[in-house]
Structure formats: C-alpha cells, structure tokens
Amino acid sequence: MKKFLISAAAAAIMTGAAYAQTEFYVVQDTSTKICTIVDKKPTTTTTTTTTTTVVVGDGKVFKTRTKAEAGMKTIKVCAH
C-alpha cells in the first residue's frame, strides 16, 4: 500500500510538471520588428542593453507552440 501511494504521488508530480509548460507568448523586438514565440511569461516590456521586447497580440496566451505560430500569423505587426 505504501509503494502504491508513493507511486501515485510521483505520477501526480510528473503530470503536474508536464502541464506547467503549456503557455506560449508572441513578443516583438522593437528594434528589428521581428516577432518570436517565448515559453516564459514575459513582462509587459523587457529591456536589455540593445533591444526592447514587447508582448504583442493583446497579450494572448497560447496553449501550444503550434497555436502560437498560427496566432502570430494573424497579428498585424508580425505579418510579413
């Protein structure tokens, strides 16, 4: 019984970790105007020494990379 509970707990933890990475965002580098997909929730504006990245597409969160890629094609500032 103890082994079963340990196994069930381990399975629940692994399943939770798999579901934790289900958010993708479309961001744009303001200096190059190139949009990319990131898998970490960005701040509204992230500034480094050379570039500023902003979230585009009204901050929409996508559940898969494929959906983010499709969504990026519909965002006006990202469409080429």
C-alpha atoms as a PDB file:
ATOM      1  CA  MET A   1       0.000   0.000   0.000  1.00  0.00           C
ATOM      2  CA  LYS A   2       2.836   2.373   0.861  1.00  0.00           C
ATOM      3  CA  LYS A   3       4.537   1.720  -2.510  1.00  0.00           C
ATOM      4  CA  PHE A   4       1.252   2.424  -4.288  1.00  0.00           C
ATOM      5  CA  LEU A   5       0.868   5.801  -2.546  1.00  0.00           C
ATOM      6  CA  ILE A   6       4.450   6.769  -3.326  1.00  0.00           C
ATOM      7  CA  SER A   7       3.978   5.761  -6.965  1.00  0.00           C
ATOM      8  CA  ALA A   8       0.712   7.689  -7.208  1.00  0.00           C
ATOM      9  CA  ALA A   9       2.328  10.795  -5.689  1.00  0.00           C
ATOM     10  CA  ALA A  10       5.285  10.562  -8.080  1.00  0.00           C
ATOM     11  CA  ALA A  11       2.942  10.207 -11.057  1.00  0.00           C
ATOM     12  CA  ALA A  12       0.938  13.237  -9.934  1.00  0.00           C
ATOM     13  CA  ILE A  13       4.082  15.344  -9.612  1.00  0.00           C
ATOM     14  CA  MET A  14       5.341  14.349 -13.067  1.00  0.00           C
ATOM     15  CA  THR A  15       1.945  15.007 -14.624  1.00  0.00           C
ATOM     16  CA  GLY A  16       1.806  18.423 -12.986  1.00  0.00           C
ATOM     17  CA  ALA A  17       5.233  19.311 -14.340  1.00  0.00           C
ATOM     18  CA  ALA A  18       4.146  18.354 -17.852  1.00  0.00           C
ATOM     19  CA  TYR A  19       1.112  20.617 -17.633  1.00  0.00           C
ATOM     20  CA  ALA A  20       3.082  23.500 -16.149  1.00  0.00           C
ATOM     21  CA  GLN A  21       4.763  24.245 -19.507  1.00  0.00           C
ATOM     22  CA  THR A  22       1.675  24.983 -21.542  1.00  0.00           C
ATOM     23  CA  GLU A  23       1.931  28.705 -22.125  1.00  0.00           C
ATOM     24  CA  PHE A  24       3.429  30.430 -25.138  1.00  0.00           C
ATOM     25  CA  TYR A  25       3.523  34.142 -25.907  1.00  0.00           C
ATOM     26  CA  VAL A  26       4.243  36.181 -29.033  1.00  0.00           C
ATOM     27  CA  VAL A  27       6.732  39.023 -28.483  1.00  0.00           C
ATOM     28  CA  GLN A  28       8.309  41.564 -30.806  1.00  0.00           C
ATOM     29  CA  ASP A  29      11.802  43.030 -30.750  1.00  0.00           C
ATOM     30  CA  THR A  30      11.132  46.729 -31.273  1.00  0.00           C
ATOM     31  CA  SER A  31      14.491  47.427 -32.935  1.00  0.00           C
ATOM     32  CA  THR A  32      14.194  44.707 -35.602  1.00  0.00           C
ATOM     33  CA  LYS A  33      10.372  44.455 -35.675  1.00  0.00           C
ATOM     34  CA  ILE A  34      10.751  40.652 -35.669  1.00  0.00           C
ATOM     35  CA  CYS A  35       8.211  38.597 -33.721  1.00  0.00           C
ATOM     36  CA  THR A  36       9.163  35.424 -31.875  1.00  0.00           C
ATOM     37  CA  ILE A  37       7.500  32.914 -29.581  1.00  0.00           C
ATOM     38  CA  VAL A  38       8.647  32.541 -25.980  1.00  0.00           C
ATOM     39  CA  ASP A  39       7.679  29.919 -23.427  1.00  0.00           C
ATOM     40  CA  LYS A  40       8.095  32.042 -20.313  1.00  0.00           C
ATOM     41  CA  LYS A  41       5.629  34.708 -19.299  1.00  0.00           C
ATOM     42  CA  PRO A  42       7.250  37.978 -20.308  1.00  0.00           C
ATOM     43  CA  THR A  43       6.857  41.260 -18.517  1.00  0.00           C
ATOM     44  CA  THR A  44       4.941  43.891 -20.456  1.00  0.00           C
ATOM     45  CA  THR A  45       8.229  45.357 -21.678  1.00  0.00           C
ATOM     46  CA  THR A  46      11.642  43.773 -21.265  1.00  0.00           C
ATOM     47  CA  THR A  47      14.643  45.996 -21.986  1.00  0.00           C
ATOM     48  CA  THR A  48      18.216  44.778 -22.428  1.00  0.00           C
ATOM     49  CA  THR A  49      21.217  46.899 -23.323  1.00  0.00           C
ATOM     50  CA  THR A  50      20.458  46.783 -27.043  1.00  0.00           C
ATOM     51  CA  THR A  51      16.828  45.779 -27.557  1.00  0.00           C
ATOM     52  CA  THR A  52      13.345  46.183 -26.168  1.00  0.00           C
ATOM     53  CA  THR A  53      10.890  43.300 -26.397  1.00  0.00           C
ATOM     54  CA  VAL A  54       7.150  43.838 -26.093  1.00  0.00           C
ATOM     55  CA  VAL A  55       4.255  41.406 -25.886  1.00  0.00           C
ATOM     56  CA  VAL A  56       2.029  41.641 -28.964  1.00  0.00           C
ATOM     57  CA  GLY A  57      -1.396  40.273 -29.843  1.00  0.00           C
ATOM     58  CA  ASP A  58      -3.129  41.779 -26.802  1.00  0.00           C
ATOM     59  CA  GLY A  59      -1.058  39.543 -24.524  1.00  0.00           C
ATOM     60  CA  LYS A  60      -2.858  36.414 -25.680  1.00  0.00           C
ATOM     61  CA  VAL A  61      -1.643  33.163 -24.123  1.00  0.00           C
ATOM     62  CA  PHE A  62      -1.380  30.119 -26.393  1.00  0.00           C
ATOM     63  CA  LYS A  63      -1.540  26.548 -25.062  1.00  0.00           C
ATOM     64  CA  THR A  64       0.760  25.040 -27.720  1.00  0.00           C
ATOM     65  CA  ARG A  65       3.651  26.291 -29.834  1.00  0.00           C
ATOM     66  CA  THR A  66       1.684  25.349 -32.965  1.00  0.00           C
ATOM     67  CA  LYS A  67      -1.228  27.561 -31.901  1.00  0.00           C
ATOM     68  CA  ALA A  68       1.187  30.380 -31.099  1.00  0.00           C
ATOM     69  CA  GLU A  69       2.739  30.077 -34.570  1.00  0.00           C
ATOM     70  CA  ALA A  70      -0.721  30.198 -36.169  1.00  0.00           C
ATOM     71  CA  GLY A  71      -1.700  33.124 -33.963  1.00  0.00           C
ATOM     72  CA  MET A  72       1.479  35.013 -34.820  1.00  0.00           C
ATOM     73  CA  LYS A  73       0.474  34.934 -38.500  1.00  0.00           C
ATOM     74  CA  THR A  74      -2.757  36.781 -37.635  1.00  0.00           C
ATOM     75  CA  ILE A  75      -1.112  39.538 -35.584  1.00  0.00           C
ATOM     76  CA  LYS A  76      -0.807  42.595 -37.795  1.00  0.00           C
ATOM     77  CA  VAL A  77       2.608  43.772 -36.570  1.00  0.00           C
ATOM     78  CA  CYS A  78       4.035  40.275 -37.087  1.00  0.00           C
ATOM     79  CA  ALA A  79       2.630  39.517 -40.534  1.00  0.00           C
ATOM     80  CA  HIS A  80       5.246  39.843 -43.265  1.00  0.00           C
END
